[in-house]
């Protein structure tokens, strides 16, 4: 699963870690995602504007478990 295909998320930490905790700003649910490959840019959605996090890695996330309420 690629982030830009699922929607836009914000992450508290973008490191070369096995898992990162992600929050869907629309549903408010939090899930665990794993870094699979350094490929895609990570975007954050702020009200209606899409802003590229220039300090973030170019990452490709895959879903590790179902989203759960945060």
Protein backbone atom coordinates (compact mmCIF):
# COMPACT_ATOMS: atom_id res chain seq x y z
CA UNK A 1 0.00 0.00 0.00
CA UNK A 2 1.34 3.38 -0.99
CA UNK A 3 0.44 6.42 1.11
CA UNK A 4 -0.63 8.59 -1.79
CA UNK A 5 -3.04 5.84 -2.87
CA UNK A 6 -4.66 5.56 0.56
CA UNK A 7 -4.78 9.23 1.46
CA UNK A 8 -2.62 11.60 3.41
CA UNK A 9 -1.20 10.94 6.85
CA UNK A 10 0.99 12.67 9.34
CA UNK A 11 3.76 10.89 11.19
CA UNK A 12 5.36 11.95 14.40
CA UNK A 13 8.62 10.27 13.42
CA UNK A 14 10.13 9.53 10.02
CA UNK A 15 13.24 7.53 10.72
CA UNK A 16 14.77 4.40 9.33
CA UNK A 17 12.75 2.37 11.81
CA UNK A 18 10.94 -0.84 11.13
CA UNK A 19 7.57 0.63 12.10
CA UNK A 20 6.07 4.08 12.35
CA UNK A 21 2.80 5.10 13.92
CA UNK A 22 0.55 6.95 11.49
CA UNK A 23 -2.64 8.93 12.01
CA UNK A 24 -5.32 9.47 9.38
CA UNK A 25 -6.37 13.12 9.91
CA UNK A 26 -9.81 12.50 8.39
CA UNK A 27 -10.87 9.43 10.35
CA UNK A 28 -8.63 10.06 13.35
CA UNK A 29 -7.54 6.43 13.39
CA UNK A 30 -3.98 5.36 14.07
CA UNK A 31 -2.21 2.38 12.56
CA UNK A 32 1.25 0.88 12.34
CA UNK A 33 3.05 1.12 9.04
CA UNK A 34 6.39 -0.29 7.98
CA UNK A 35 8.99 1.21 5.71
CA UNK A 36 9.44 -1.11 2.74
CA UNK A 37 11.44 0.89 0.25
CA UNK A 38 12.83 4.38 -0.22
CA UNK A 39 10.75 5.34 -3.22
CA UNK A 40 7.82 7.68 -2.72
CA UNK A 41 7.58 11.14 -1.24
CA UNK A 42 5.70 11.53 2.02
CA UNK A 43 2.99 14.17 2.03
CA UNK A 44 1.05 15.81 4.83
CA UNK A 45 -2.37 17.33 4.43
CA UNK A 46 -2.95 20.67 6.15
CA UNK A 47 -6.55 21.76 5.82
CA UNK A 48 -6.78 21.76 2.05
CA UNK A 49 -3.17 22.30 1.03
CA UNK A 50 -0.77 19.49 0.20
CA UNK A 51 2.69 20.28 1.43
CA UNK A 52 5.76 18.15 0.74
CA UNK A 53 7.78 17.56 3.87
CA UNK A 54 11.15 18.51 2.45
CA UNK A 55 12.99 17.25 5.51
CA UNK A 56 11.29 13.85 5.28
CA UNK A 57 12.65 10.83 3.51
CA UNK A 58 11.27 9.65 0.22
CA UNK A 59 9.46 6.59 1.52
CA UNK A 60 7.17 3.78 0.54
CA UNK A 61 4.97 2.49 3.35
CA UNK A 62 3.00 -0.70 3.54
CA UNK A 63 0.21 -1.39 5.97
CA UNK A 64 1.27 -3.65 8.82
CA UNK A 65 -2.03 -3.98 10.64
CA UNK A 66 -5.57 -2.71 10.47
CA UNK A 67 -6.18 0.87 11.50
CA UNK A 68 -7.33 1.13 15.06
CA UNK A 69 -8.91 3.98 16.97
CA UNK A 70 -6.31 6.30 18.44
